[in-house]
N, C-alpha and C. Protein backbone atom coordinates (compact mmCIF):
# COMPACT_ATOMS: atom_id res chain seq x y z
N UNK A 1 -6.05 -3.63 52.03
CA UNK A 1 -5.46 -3.24 50.91
C UNK A 1 -4.24 -3.70 50.89
N UNK A 2 -3.96 -3.98 49.36
CA UNK A 2 -2.29 -3.97 49.13
C UNK A 2 -1.69 -2.62 48.95
N UNK A 3 -0.89 -2.87 49.47
CA UNK A 3 0.20 -1.91 49.46
C UNK A 3 1.89 -2.22 49.27
N UNK A 4 2.43 -1.60 48.08
CA UNK A 4 3.71 -2.05 47.90
C UNK A 4 4.49 -1.27 48.84
N UNK A 5 6.04 -1.99 48.82
CA UNK A 5 6.87 -1.66 50.04
C UNK A 5 8.00 -0.56 49.23
N UNK A 6 8.07 0.44 49.79
CA UNK A 6 8.89 1.26 49.29
C UNK A 6 9.87 0.92 48.42
N UNK A 7 10.51 0.26 49.36
CA UNK A 7 11.73 0.31 48.82
C UNK A 7 12.43 -0.85 47.42
N UNK A 8 11.41 -1.52 46.84
CA UNK A 8 11.78 -2.34 46.81
C UNK A 8 10.83 -2.12 44.71
N UNK A 9 11.53 -2.57 44.01
CA UNK A 9 11.49 -1.04 42.67
C UNK A 9 10.32 -2.34 42.13
N UNK A 10 8.96 -2.27 41.32
CA UNK A 10 8.19 -3.14 41.04
C UNK A 10 8.29 -3.17 39.29
N UNK A 11 9.22 -2.89 38.70
CA UNK A 11 10.01 -3.17 37.70
C UNK A 11 10.01 -3.81 37.31
N UNK A 12 11.79 -4.36 38.77
CA UNK A 12 12.43 -5.37 38.97
C UNK A 12 11.71 -6.55 39.71
N UNK A 13 10.96 -6.50 40.16
CA UNK A 13 9.88 -7.45 41.25
C UNK A 13 8.93 -8.29 39.88
N UNK A 14 8.64 -7.81 39.11
CA UNK A 14 7.54 -8.55 37.90
C UNK A 14 8.34 -8.57 36.67
N UNK A 15 9.77 -7.83 36.18
CA UNK A 15 10.51 -8.91 35.05
C UNK A 15 10.64 -7.81 33.80
N UNK A 16 9.96 -6.25 34.53
CA UNK A 16 9.02 -5.06 33.79
C UNK A 16 10.50 -4.45 32.57
N UNK A 17 9.95 -4.90 31.99
CA UNK A 17 11.60 -3.81 30.59
C UNK A 17 10.67 -2.63 29.88
N UNK A 18 11.80 -2.28 29.71
CA UNK A 18 10.84 -0.46 29.19
C UNK A 18 11.55 -1.50 27.21
N UNK A 19 12.42 -1.68 27.61
CA UNK A 19 12.00 -2.16 25.30
C UNK A 19 11.42 -3.27 25.84
N UNK A 20 10.89 -3.78 26.18
CA UNK A 20 9.85 -4.67 25.36
C UNK A 20 8.72 -3.85 25.47
N UNK A 21 7.91 -3.42 26.19
CA UNK A 21 7.30 -2.65 25.76
C UNK A 21 7.16 -1.44 24.66
N UNK A 22 8.24 -1.34 24.68
CA UNK A 22 7.68 -0.54 23.57
C UNK A 22 8.35 -0.35 22.40
N UNK A 23 8.93 -1.35 21.93
CA UNK A 23 9.61 -2.36 20.79
C UNK A 23 8.44 -2.67 20.08
N UNK A 24 7.79 -3.05 20.55
CA UNK A 24 5.98 -3.16 19.57
C UNK A 24 5.75 -2.21 18.85
N UNK A 25 5.71 -0.54 19.41
CA UNK A 25 5.25 0.51 19.51
C UNK A 25 5.98 -0.06 18.03
N UNK A 26 7.94 0.61 18.46
CA UNK A 26 8.46 1.02 17.41
C UNK A 26 9.05 0.42 16.00
N UNK A 27 8.63 -1.00 16.37
CA UNK A 27 8.58 -1.32 15.04
C UNK A 27 7.61 -0.99 13.98
N UNK A 28 5.83 -1.50 14.36
CA UNK A 28 4.69 -0.86 13.82
C UNK A 28 5.20 0.64 13.09
N UNK A 29 5.69 1.56 13.55
CA UNK A 29 6.03 2.87 13.73
C UNK A 29 6.72 2.97 12.54
N UNK A 30 7.84 1.76 12.39
CA UNK A 30 9.35 2.43 11.02
C UNK A 30 8.26 0.70 9.95
N UNK A 31 7.10 0.87 10.53
CA UNK A 31 6.46 -0.35 9.12
C UNK A 31 5.03 1.20 8.48
N UNK A 32 5.05 1.48 9.51
CA UNK A 32 3.80 2.27 9.17
C UNK A 32 4.53 3.48 8.41
N UNK A 33 5.63 3.82 8.43
CA UNK A 33 6.58 5.05 8.37
C UNK A 33 6.87 4.68 6.50
N UNK A 34 7.16 3.79 7.29
CA UNK A 34 7.72 2.46 4.54
C UNK A 34 6.25 2.41 3.97
N UNK A 35 5.17 2.03 4.42
CA UNK A 35 4.51 1.65 3.57
C UNK A 35 3.97 3.28 2.91
N UNK A 36 3.50 3.91 4.10
CA UNK A 36 3.10 5.23 3.85
C UNK A 36 3.81 6.28 2.65
N UNK A 37 5.02 6.14 2.99
CA UNK A 37 6.11 7.05 1.84
C UNK A 37 5.46 5.93 0.91
N UNK A 38 5.64 4.77 1.18
CA UNK A 38 6.04 4.11 -0.27
C UNK A 38 4.67 4.18 -0.79
N UNK A 39 3.96 4.20 -0.17
CA UNK A 39 2.27 4.40 -1.14
C UNK A 39 2.33 5.92 -2.18
N UNK A 40 2.55 6.25 -1.01
CA UNK A 40 2.04 8.58 -1.69
C UNK A 40 3.55 7.86 -2.80
N UNK A 41 4.63 7.07 -3.36
CA UNK A 41 5.84 8.01 -4.33
C UNK A 41 4.58 6.66 -5.56
N UNK A 42 3.81 5.69 -4.79
CA UNK A 42 3.54 4.07 -5.72
C UNK A 42 3.80 5.28 -7.76
N UNK A 43 2.43 5.94 -7.17
CA UNK A 43 1.89 6.22 -8.97
C UNK A 43 2.86 6.83 -9.58
N UNK A 44 4.20 7.56 -9.02
CA UNK A 44 4.89 8.01 -9.72
C UNK A 44 5.01 6.53 -10.64
N UNK A 45 5.59 5.50 -10.13
CA UNK A 45 5.40 3.93 -10.82
C UNK A 45 5.06 3.10 -11.61
N UNK A 46 3.96 3.34 -11.41
CA UNK A 46 2.60 3.06 -11.85
C UNK A 46 1.37 3.79 -12.29
N UNK A 47 1.55 4.81 -13.54
CA UNK A 47 0.68 5.14 -14.04
C UNK A 47 -0.74 5.15 -13.89
N UNK A 48 -0.97 3.56 -13.76
CA UNK A 48 -2.06 3.59 -13.93
C UNK A 48 -3.30 3.52 -12.63
N UNK A 49 -2.88 3.78 -12.27
CA UNK A 49 -3.43 4.65 -10.86
C UNK A 49 -4.23 5.45 -10.82
N UNK A 50 -3.49 6.03 -11.64
CA UNK A 50 -4.42 7.29 -12.15
C UNK A 50 -5.73 7.06 -12.74
N UNK A 51 -6.13 6.44 -13.34
CA UNK A 51 -6.58 5.69 -14.03
C UNK A 51 -8.29 5.02 -13.77
N UNK A 52 -7.84 4.66 -12.55
CA UNK A 52 -8.45 2.88 -11.67
C UNK A 52 -9.18 3.36 -10.80
N UNK A 53 -9.50 2.93 -9.87
CA UNK A 53 -10.69 2.90 -8.61
C UNK A 53 -12.35 3.20 -9.32
N UNK A 54 -12.95 3.30 -8.19
CA UNK A 54 -14.48 3.05 -7.76
C UNK A 54 -14.88 3.94 -7.63
N UNK A 55 -16.56 4.11 -7.95
CA UNK A 55 -17.76 5.28 -7.24
C UNK A 55 -16.69 6.54 -7.32
N UNK A 56 -16.52 6.99 -5.90
CA UNK A 56 -16.57 8.15 -6.22
C UNK A 56 -14.51 8.77 -6.38
N UNK A 57 -13.79 7.57 -5.94
CA UNK A 57 -12.71 7.74 -5.99
C UNK A 57 -12.09 7.30 -7.67
N UNK A 58 -12.17 8.10 -8.39
CA UNK A 58 -11.84 7.52 -9.98
C UNK A 58 -10.16 7.71 -10.23
N UNK A 59 -9.64 8.17 -9.41
CA UNK A 59 -8.57 8.82 -8.97
C UNK A 59 -7.07 8.04 -8.66
N UNK A 60 -6.98 7.10 -8.00
CA UNK A 60 -6.22 6.42 -6.91
C UNK A 60 -5.04 7.98 -6.44
N UNK A 61 -4.37 8.69 -7.94
CA UNK A 61 -3.20 8.89 -7.08
C UNK A 61 -3.63 10.15 -6.43
N UNK A 62 -5.10 10.96 -6.36
CA UNK A 62 -4.61 12.27 -5.90
C UNK A 62 -5.32 11.77 -4.25
N UNK A 63 -5.71 12.53 -2.87
CA UNK A 63 -5.94 12.58 -2.19
C UNK A 63 -7.32 12.63 -2.22
N UNK A 64 -8.12 11.92 -0.83
CA UNK A 64 -9.77 11.82 -0.99
C UNK A 64 -9.72 13.18 -0.29
N UNK A 65 -10.36 14.47 -1.36
CA UNK A 65 -10.71 15.04 -1.15
C UNK A 65 -12.62 14.94 -0.41
N UNK A 66 -12.59 14.67 0.18
CA UNK A 66 -14.20 14.54 0.43
C UNK A 66 -14.34 13.88 2.05
N UNK A 67 -12.64 13.72 2.88
CA UNK A 67 -12.56 12.45 4.03
C UNK A 67 -13.25 11.31 4.13
N UNK A 68 -13.79 10.86 3.51
CA UNK A 68 -15.17 9.38 3.80
C UNK A 68 -14.41 8.32 3.67
N UNK A 69 -13.22 7.64 3.47
CA UNK A 69 -12.04 6.81 3.50
C UNK A 69 -11.45 6.77 4.41
N UNK A 70 -10.84 8.30 5.30
CA UNK A 70 -9.96 8.07 6.61
C UNK A 70 -11.16 8.31 7.52
N UNK A 71 -12.29 8.36 7.02
CA UNK A 71 -13.20 8.56 8.24
C UNK A 71 -14.15 7.22 8.23
N UNK A 72 -14.30 6.52 7.26
CA UNK A 72 -14.89 5.24 7.43
C UNK A 72 -13.74 4.50 7.92
N UNK A 73 -12.38 4.77 7.81
CA UNK A 73 -11.63 3.37 8.55
C UNK A 73 -10.98 3.95 9.78
N UNK A 74 -11.81 4.62 10.26
CA UNK A 74 -11.70 5.02 11.30
C UNK A 74 -11.87 5.13 12.89
N UNK A 75 -13.88 5.07 11.45
CA UNK A 75 -15.07 4.65 12.68
C UNK A 75 -14.84 3.00 12.30
N UNK A 76 -14.52 2.11 12.06
CA UNK A 76 -14.47 0.73 11.51
C UNK A 76 -13.11 -0.41 12.92
N UNK A 77 -12.49 1.14 13.16
CA UNK A 77 -11.51 0.78 13.56
C UNK A 77 -12.13 0.93 15.90
N UNK A 78 -13.28 2.26 15.60
CA UNK A 78 -13.36 2.52 16.66
C UNK A 78 -14.60 1.69 17.15
N UNK A 79 -14.93 0.94 16.12
CA UNK A 79 -16.03 0.06 16.28
C UNK A 79 -15.36 -1.12 16.64
N UNK A 80 -14.50 -1.56 16.73
CA UNK A 80 -13.82 -2.73 16.70
C UNK A 80 -13.59 -2.89 17.70
N UNK A 81 -12.20 -1.56 18.09
CA UNK A 81 -11.80 -1.57 19.63
C UNK A 81 -13.56 -1.49 20.67
N UNK A 82 -13.84 -0.85 20.18
CA UNK A 82 -14.87 -0.96 21.36
C UNK A 82 -15.91 -2.24 21.40
N UNK A 83 -15.80 -3.06 20.69
CA UNK A 83 -16.71 -4.47 20.65
C UNK A 83 -16.25 -5.24 21.43
N UNK A 84 -14.97 -5.30 20.98
CA UNK A 84 -14.20 -6.02 21.24
C UNK A 84 -13.86 -6.60 22.87
N UNK A 85 -14.51 -7.95 23.30
CA UNK A 85 -14.65 -8.35 24.62
C UNK A 85 -13.06 -8.46 25.34
N UNK A 86 -13.15 -7.38 26.79
CA UNK A 86 -11.63 -7.64 27.27
C UNK A 86 -11.08 -9.03 27.79
N UNK A 87 -9.85 -9.12 27.48
CA UNK A 87 -8.92 -10.61 27.82
C UNK A 87 -8.19 -11.05 29.41
N UNK A 88 -7.86 -11.65 29.83
CA UNK A 88 -7.19 -12.04 30.47
C UNK A 88 -7.19 -12.04 32.47
N UNK A 89 -6.39 -11.96 32.39
CA UNK A 89 -6.81 -12.53 33.91
C UNK A 89 -7.18 -11.44 35.08
């Protein structure tokens, strides 16, 4: 069986840096927050968003009261994650 020597630091052995691990998450978080607040205030600058849309969401400036779109987006994400093949060595 594989055993680690307690005296050697596995992070140094494999050159693992926490900054590399979390930099992608921090970048995605900043992009998400920017898009969220940008889209939230978009109807103030584009009043036609309150008149567009299709099906049950005819006014794009109000939240979805039925939660159909967030549930559909979450289900699509879950299906994508669960059906993707595992890669790597």
